[in-house]
N, C-alpha and C. Protein backbone atom coordinates (compact mmCIF):
# COMPACT_ATOMS: atom_id res chain seq x y z
N MET A 1 -31.07 31.36 0.75
CA MET A 1 -30.27 30.03 1.05
C MET A 1 -29.51 30.17 2.39
N ASN A 2 -29.83 28.78 3.08
CA ASN A 2 -29.23 28.80 4.38
C ASN A 2 -28.03 28.31 4.23
N THR A 3 -26.85 28.71 3.87
CA THR A 3 -25.49 28.17 3.66
C THR A 3 -24.86 27.33 4.75
N LEU A 4 -25.30 27.76 6.05
CA LEU A 4 -24.79 27.09 7.35
C LEU A 4 -25.52 25.80 7.20
N TYR A 5 -26.60 25.74 6.97
CA TYR A 5 -27.49 24.15 6.95
C TYR A 5 -26.64 23.53 5.62
N PHE A 6 -26.42 24.04 4.80
CA PHE A 6 -25.95 23.29 3.40
C PHE A 6 -24.60 22.81 4.06
N ARG A 7 -23.80 23.57 4.62
CA ARG A 7 -22.53 23.46 4.89
C ARG A 7 -22.62 22.05 5.96
N GLU A 8 -23.50 22.25 6.99
CA GLU A 8 -23.37 21.08 7.88
C GLU A 8 -24.01 19.79 7.42
N GLN A 9 -24.78 20.12 6.61
CA GLN A 9 -25.41 18.92 5.73
C GLN A 9 -24.35 18.09 4.99
N PHE A 10 -23.47 18.96 4.35
CA PHE A 10 -22.58 18.34 3.33
C PHE A 10 -21.41 17.73 4.32
N ILE A 11 -20.94 18.20 5.74
CA ILE A 11 -20.23 17.59 6.53
C ILE A 11 -20.58 16.27 6.91
N THR A 12 -21.85 16.30 7.43
CA THR A 12 -22.69 15.04 7.95
C THR A 12 -22.44 14.02 6.74
N ALA A 13 -23.00 14.36 5.54
CA ALA A 13 -23.07 13.25 4.33
C ALA A 13 -21.77 12.66 4.15
N ALA A 14 -20.63 13.66 3.92
CA ALA A 14 -19.20 13.25 3.86
C ALA A 14 -18.79 12.02 4.91
N ILE A 15 -19.02 12.56 6.10
CA ILE A 15 -18.79 11.70 7.35
C ILE A 15 -19.25 10.36 7.08
N ASP A 16 -20.85 10.42 6.98
CA ASP A 16 -21.53 9.16 6.88
C ASP A 16 -20.94 8.35 5.62
N HIS A 17 -20.69 8.97 4.65
CA HIS A 17 -20.23 8.11 3.46
C HIS A 17 -19.07 7.45 3.93
N GLU A 18 -17.99 8.05 4.45
CA GLU A 18 -16.90 7.29 4.93
C GLU A 18 -17.30 6.10 5.91
N SER A 19 -17.73 6.51 6.85
CA SER A 19 -18.60 5.71 7.96
C SER A 19 -19.05 4.42 7.03
N ASP A 20 -20.06 4.61 6.41
CA ASP A 20 -20.67 3.50 5.97
C ASP A 20 -20.11 2.73 4.85
N THR A 21 -19.01 3.28 4.13
CA THR A 21 -18.08 2.58 3.28
C THR A 21 -17.36 1.55 4.17
N ILE A 22 -16.91 1.95 5.18
CA ILE A 22 -15.95 1.26 6.02
C ILE A 22 -16.73 -0.04 6.55
N LYS A 23 -17.93 0.49 6.86
CA LYS A 23 -19.06 -0.81 7.53
C LYS A 23 -19.36 -1.80 6.42
N GLY A 24 -19.31 -1.35 5.29
CA GLY A 24 -19.63 -2.14 3.94
C GLY A 24 -21.28 -2.16 3.58
N ASP A 25 -21.90 -0.93 4.10
CA ASP A 25 -23.22 -0.72 3.99
C ASP A 25 -23.42 -0.09 2.68
N SER A 26 -23.59 -0.73 1.63
CA SER A 26 -23.42 0.24 0.25
C SER A 26 -24.78 0.89 0.08
N ARG A 27 -25.89 0.38 0.46
CA ARG A 27 -27.03 1.21 0.60
C ARG A 27 -26.80 2.67 1.30
N LYS A 28 -26.47 2.84 2.35
CA LYS A 28 -26.23 3.84 3.04
C LYS A 28 -25.26 4.49 2.36
N THR A 29 -24.07 3.93 1.96
CA THR A 29 -22.96 4.57 1.31
C THR A 29 -23.56 5.51 0.15
N ASN A 30 -24.47 4.74 -0.54
CA ASN A 30 -25.03 5.49 -1.98
C ASN A 30 -26.03 6.43 -1.51
N ARG A 31 -26.66 6.40 -0.44
CA ARG A 31 -27.58 7.48 0.06
C ARG A 31 -26.79 8.42 0.40
N ALA A 32 -25.71 8.50 1.22
CA ALA A 32 -24.78 9.73 1.39
C ALA A 32 -24.33 10.33 0.26
N ALA A 33 -23.68 9.60 -0.76
CA ALA A 33 -23.36 10.13 -1.81
C ALA A 33 -24.50 11.22 -2.77
N ASP A 34 -25.56 10.42 -2.57
CA ASP A 34 -26.54 11.16 -3.43
C ASP A 34 -26.90 12.37 -2.68
N LYS A 35 -26.92 12.39 -1.21
CA LYS A 35 -27.16 13.53 -0.38
C LYS A 35 -26.07 14.95 -1.04
N LEU A 36 -24.92 14.31 -0.79
CA LEU A 36 -23.85 15.29 -1.33
C LEU A 36 -24.06 15.84 -2.70
N ALA A 37 -24.53 14.95 -3.55
CA ALA A 37 -24.92 15.33 -4.93
C ALA A 37 -25.96 16.45 -4.92
N ALA A 38 -27.01 16.18 -4.20
CA ALA A 38 -28.32 17.04 -4.06
C ALA A 38 -27.83 18.37 -3.33
N ILE A 39 -26.80 18.16 -2.39
CA ILE A 39 -26.44 19.64 -1.64
C ILE A 39 -25.74 20.50 -2.75
N TYR A 40 -24.83 19.66 -3.60
CA TYR A 40 -23.95 20.37 -4.59
C TYR A 40 -24.79 21.17 -5.45
N VAL A 41 -25.93 20.21 -5.99
CA VAL A 41 -26.67 20.78 -7.05
C VAL A 41 -27.39 22.17 -6.46
N GLU A 42 -28.20 21.93 -5.22
CA GLU A 42 -28.59 23.02 -4.47
C GLU A 42 -27.68 24.15 -4.29
N LEU A 43 -26.34 24.11 -3.86
CA LEU A 43 -25.59 25.35 -3.87
C LEU A 43 -25.05 25.85 -4.98
N LYS A 44 -24.93 24.99 -6.28
CA LYS A 44 -24.55 25.73 -7.46
C LYS A 44 -25.53 26.37 -7.99
N GLN A 45 -26.70 26.87 -7.50
CA GLN A 45 -27.40 27.94 -7.69
C GLN A 45 -26.68 29.30 -7.47
N ASP A 46 -25.95 29.27 -6.54
CA ASP A 46 -25.05 30.46 -6.08
C ASP A 46 -23.65 30.12 -5.99
N VAL A 47 -22.98 30.10 -7.30
CA VAL A 47 -21.63 29.43 -7.33
C VAL A 47 -20.68 30.05 -6.34
N GLY A 48 -20.74 31.24 -6.35
CA GLY A 48 -19.82 31.91 -5.34
C GLY A 48 -19.87 31.25 -4.03
N LYS A 49 -21.11 31.28 -3.20
CA LYS A 49 -21.40 30.64 -2.20
C LYS A 49 -21.01 29.29 -2.15
N LEU A 50 -21.03 28.60 -3.23
CA LEU A 50 -20.57 27.16 -3.28
C LEU A 50 -19.22 27.04 -3.02
N ILE A 51 -18.36 28.03 -3.82
CA ILE A 51 -16.86 28.00 -3.89
C ILE A 51 -16.44 28.48 -2.65
N GLU A 52 -17.00 29.32 -1.84
CA GLU A 52 -16.72 29.70 -0.47
C GLU A 52 -16.69 28.57 0.62
N ILE A 53 -17.98 27.76 0.42
CA ILE A 53 -18.11 26.63 1.49
C ILE A 53 -16.88 25.72 1.39
N LEU A 54 -16.66 25.05 -0.33
CA LEU A 54 -15.93 24.15 -0.48
C LEU A 54 -14.62 24.45 -0.14
N LEU A 55 -14.15 25.81 -0.28
CA LEU A 55 -12.61 26.42 0.17
C LEU A 55 -12.54 26.17 1.58
N GLU A 56 -13.66 26.42 2.21
CA GLU A 56 -13.55 26.66 3.97
C GLU A 56 -13.42 25.15 4.33
N LEU A 57 -14.27 23.94 3.53
CA LEU A 57 -14.32 22.64 4.06
C LEU A 57 -12.92 21.91 3.66
N LEU A 58 -11.90 22.51 2.84
CA LEU A 58 -10.55 21.90 2.53
C LEU A 58 -9.95 21.83 3.90
N ASN A 59 -10.19 22.60 4.85
CA ASN A 59 -9.33 22.59 5.93
C ASN A 59 -10.09 22.12 7.08
N TYR A 60 -11.23 21.31 6.78
CA TYR A 60 -12.11 20.56 7.96
C TYR A 60 -11.31 19.43 8.45
N PRO A 61 -11.31 19.25 9.79
CA PRO A 61 -10.52 18.31 10.54
C PRO A 61 -10.89 16.80 9.93
N ASN A 62 -11.63 16.33 9.04
CA ASN A 62 -11.94 15.12 8.71
C ASN A 62 -11.43 14.98 7.01
N GLU A 63 -10.69 14.11 6.74
CA GLU A 63 -10.13 13.80 5.18
C GLU A 63 -11.26 13.49 4.23
N SER A 64 -12.33 12.87 4.80
CA SER A 64 -13.29 12.43 3.84
C SER A 64 -14.14 13.90 3.37
N VAL A 65 -14.45 14.77 4.23
CA VAL A 65 -15.13 16.16 4.03
C VAL A 65 -14.01 17.04 3.21
N GLN A 66 -12.83 16.89 3.45
CA GLN A 66 -11.95 17.53 2.58
C GLN A 66 -11.79 17.20 0.90
N LYS A 67 -11.95 15.67 1.11
CA LYS A 67 -11.89 15.02 -0.41
C LYS A 67 -13.26 15.37 -0.95
N TRP A 68 -14.25 15.31 -0.50
CA TRP A 68 -15.56 15.49 -1.22
C TRP A 68 -15.41 17.19 -1.71
N ALA A 69 -15.15 17.97 -0.63
CA ALA A 69 -15.35 19.28 -1.07
C ALA A 69 -14.16 19.51 -2.11
N ALA A 70 -12.79 19.01 -2.09
CA ALA A 70 -11.83 19.08 -3.43
C ALA A 70 -12.40 18.52 -4.50
N GLY A 71 -13.16 17.31 -4.43
CA GLY A 71 -13.65 16.79 -5.80
C GLY A 71 -14.70 17.81 -6.34
N TYR A 72 -15.57 18.29 -5.33
CA TYR A 72 -16.62 19.36 -5.94
C TYR A 72 -16.19 20.72 -6.46
N LEU A 73 -14.73 20.91 -5.78
CA LEU A 73 -14.20 22.33 -6.39
C LEU A 73 -13.32 22.28 -7.51
N LEU A 74 -13.21 21.12 -8.14
CA LEU A 74 -12.38 20.84 -9.26
C LEU A 74 -12.69 21.86 -10.64
N PRO A 75 -14.05 21.96 -10.69
CA PRO A 75 -14.21 22.62 -12.00
C PRO A 75 -14.12 24.36 -11.64
N TYR A 76 -13.94 24.78 -10.30
CA TYR A 76 -13.87 26.05 -10.20
C TYR A 76 -12.59 26.37 -9.64
N ARG A 77 -11.78 25.83 -9.06
CA ARG A 77 -10.58 26.14 -8.59
C ARG A 77 -9.73 24.90 -8.70
N GLN A 78 -9.31 24.47 -9.80
CA GLN A 78 -8.70 23.21 -10.16
C GLN A 78 -7.46 23.20 -9.60
N GLU A 79 -6.61 23.92 -9.54
CA GLU A 79 -5.25 24.22 -8.93
C GLU A 79 -5.22 23.75 -7.51
N ILE A 80 -6.10 24.46 -6.67
CA ILE A 80 -6.29 24.20 -5.19
C ILE A 80 -6.77 22.93 -4.86
N ALA A 81 -7.82 22.53 -5.84
CA ALA A 81 -8.39 21.08 -5.50
C ALA A 81 -7.70 20.09 -5.78
N GLU A 82 -6.76 20.07 -6.70
CA GLU A 82 -5.86 19.04 -7.08
C GLU A 82 -4.84 19.00 -6.13
N GLN A 83 -4.37 20.05 -5.67
CA GLN A 83 -3.27 20.05 -4.49
C GLN A 83 -3.90 19.18 -3.19
N LYS A 84 -5.22 19.61 -2.96
CA LYS A 84 -5.42 19.01 -1.87
C LYS A 84 -5.95 17.52 -1.96
N LEU A 85 -6.36 17.13 -3.29
CA LEU A 85 -6.54 15.79 -3.27
C LEU A 85 -5.12 14.94 -3.38
N GLU A 86 -4.22 15.42 -4.00
CA GLU A 86 -2.77 14.92 -3.96
C GLU A 86 -2.48 14.88 -2.55
N GLU A 87 -2.62 15.86 -1.76
CA GLU A 87 -2.22 15.75 -0.36
C GLU A 87 -2.84 14.48 0.31
N ILE A 88 -4.04 14.31 -0.01
CA ILE A 88 -4.73 13.30 0.93
C ILE A 88 -4.24 12.00 0.07
N ALA A 89 -4.01 11.79 -1.12
CA ALA A 89 -3.80 10.70 -1.87
C ALA A 89 -2.31 10.10 -1.23
N ASN A 90 -1.51 10.98 -0.80
CA ASN A 90 -0.06 10.71 -0.62
C ASN A 90 0.12 10.73 0.89
N GLY A 91 -1.11 11.06 1.58
CA GLY A 91 -0.99 10.97 3.27
C GLY A 91 -1.09 9.70 3.76
N ASP A 92 -1.12 9.78 4.85
CA ASP A 92 -1.11 8.34 5.80
C ASP A 92 -2.49 8.36 6.53
N GLY A 93 -3.39 8.91 5.66
CA GLY A 93 -4.86 8.72 6.34
C GLY A 93 -5.51 7.27 5.87
N TYR A 94 -6.71 7.12 6.19
CA TYR A 94 -7.36 5.73 5.97
C TYR A 94 -7.16 5.35 4.82
N GLY A 95 -7.03 4.06 4.16
CA GLY A 95 -7.01 3.38 3.15
C GLY A 95 -7.92 3.85 1.93
N PHE A 96 -9.28 3.63 2.32
CA PHE A 96 -10.44 4.33 1.28
C PHE A 96 -10.31 5.62 0.92
N THR A 97 -10.02 6.35 1.91
CA THR A 97 -9.88 8.12 1.57
C THR A 97 -9.00 8.06 0.49
N THR A 98 -7.74 7.75 0.86
CA THR A 98 -6.53 7.85 0.06
C THR A 98 -6.69 7.37 -1.44
N PHE A 99 -7.19 6.18 -1.51
CA PHE A 99 -7.52 5.58 -2.70
C PHE A 99 -8.60 6.32 -3.37
N ASP A 100 -9.71 6.76 -2.76
CA ASP A 100 -10.76 7.59 -3.50
C ASP A 100 -10.20 8.92 -3.99
N ALA A 101 -9.23 9.33 -3.40
CA ALA A 101 -8.85 10.87 -3.69
C ALA A 101 -7.80 10.55 -5.10
N LEU A 102 -7.27 9.43 -4.99
CA LEU A 102 -6.49 9.06 -6.03
C LEU A 102 -7.47 8.99 -7.50
N MET A 103 -8.33 8.16 -7.25
CA MET A 103 -9.40 7.88 -8.12
C MET A 103 -10.25 9.17 -8.78
N VAL A 104 -10.37 10.10 -8.00
CA VAL A 104 -10.90 11.36 -8.21
C VAL A 104 -10.13 11.99 -9.30
N LEU A 105 -8.95 12.12 -8.77
CA LEU A 105 -7.98 12.68 -9.51
C LEU A 105 -7.56 12.33 -11.01
N LYS A 106 -7.57 10.93 -10.95
CA LYS A 106 -7.49 9.96 -12.13
C LYS A 106 -8.44 10.22 -13.13
N GLU A 107 -9.65 10.30 -12.77
CA GLU A 107 -11.07 10.31 -13.36
C GLU A 107 -11.01 11.89 -13.90
N TRP A 108 -10.73 12.80 -13.19
CA TRP A 108 -10.54 14.22 -13.38
C TRP A 108 -9.69 14.62 -14.63
N ARG A 109 -8.52 13.95 -14.32
CA ARG A 109 -7.38 14.08 -15.31
C ARG A 109 -7.60 13.58 -16.75
N LYS A 110 -8.59 12.35 -16.50
CA LYS A 110 -8.95 11.67 -18.21
C LYS A 110 -10.03 12.44 -18.64
N GLY A 111 -10.82 13.40 -17.99
CA GLY A 111 -11.90 13.82 -18.33
C GLY A 111 -13.16 13.12 -18.31
N THR A 112 -13.12 12.20 -17.53
CA THR A 112 -14.29 11.30 -17.48
C THR A 112 -15.20 11.75 -15.99
N LEU A 113 -14.71 12.36 -15.31
CA LEU A 113 -15.16 12.89 -13.93
C LEU A 113 -16.56 13.78 -14.35
N LYS A 114 -17.65 13.38 -13.90
CA LYS A 114 -18.93 13.91 -13.94
C LYS A 114 -19.45 14.44 -12.85
N PHE A 115 -20.16 15.64 -13.02
CA PHE A 115 -20.77 16.40 -11.74
C PHE A 115 -22.21 16.52 -12.03
N PRO A 116 -22.91 16.51 -10.61
CA PRO A 116 -24.57 16.47 -10.84
C PRO A 116 -24.65 17.91 -11.51
N PRO A 117 -26.08 18.11 -11.88
CA PRO A 117 -26.94 17.04 -12.24
C PRO A 117 -26.34 16.15 -13.41
N PHE A 118 -26.50 14.68 -13.35
CA PHE A 118 -25.85 13.97 -14.14
C PHE A 118 -26.48 13.84 -15.55
N ASP A 119 -27.75 14.34 -15.72
CA ASP A 119 -28.38 14.55 -17.02
C ASP A 119 -27.87 15.53 -17.83
N SER A 120 -27.20 16.23 -17.50
CA SER A 120 -26.98 17.55 -18.43
C SER A 120 -25.65 17.42 -19.07
């Protein structure tokens, strides 16, 4: 498994998701979200590597990358992931990213947040 490849693909997809959301291109936004889910599923085959990459990406210099990493980290490192999502939600970043971080936290705490694969 080429973790560097998946790390770079995750970063690109998270940034694309944010950019396409801002542009209002729902087709491309959904494609980026699907790519992030596929990367998560692939990395989940080695949970140790998945956690390692997600922890590293919590400090990436883009809040969208941080938000996606924190969201996918919730089942494995809940306290750290929630702290990062709260930081983003309470920060002065772009409105969509802060709102999305709030929604991820809300759904996680309600127990309704689902992780891919969605059919299991």
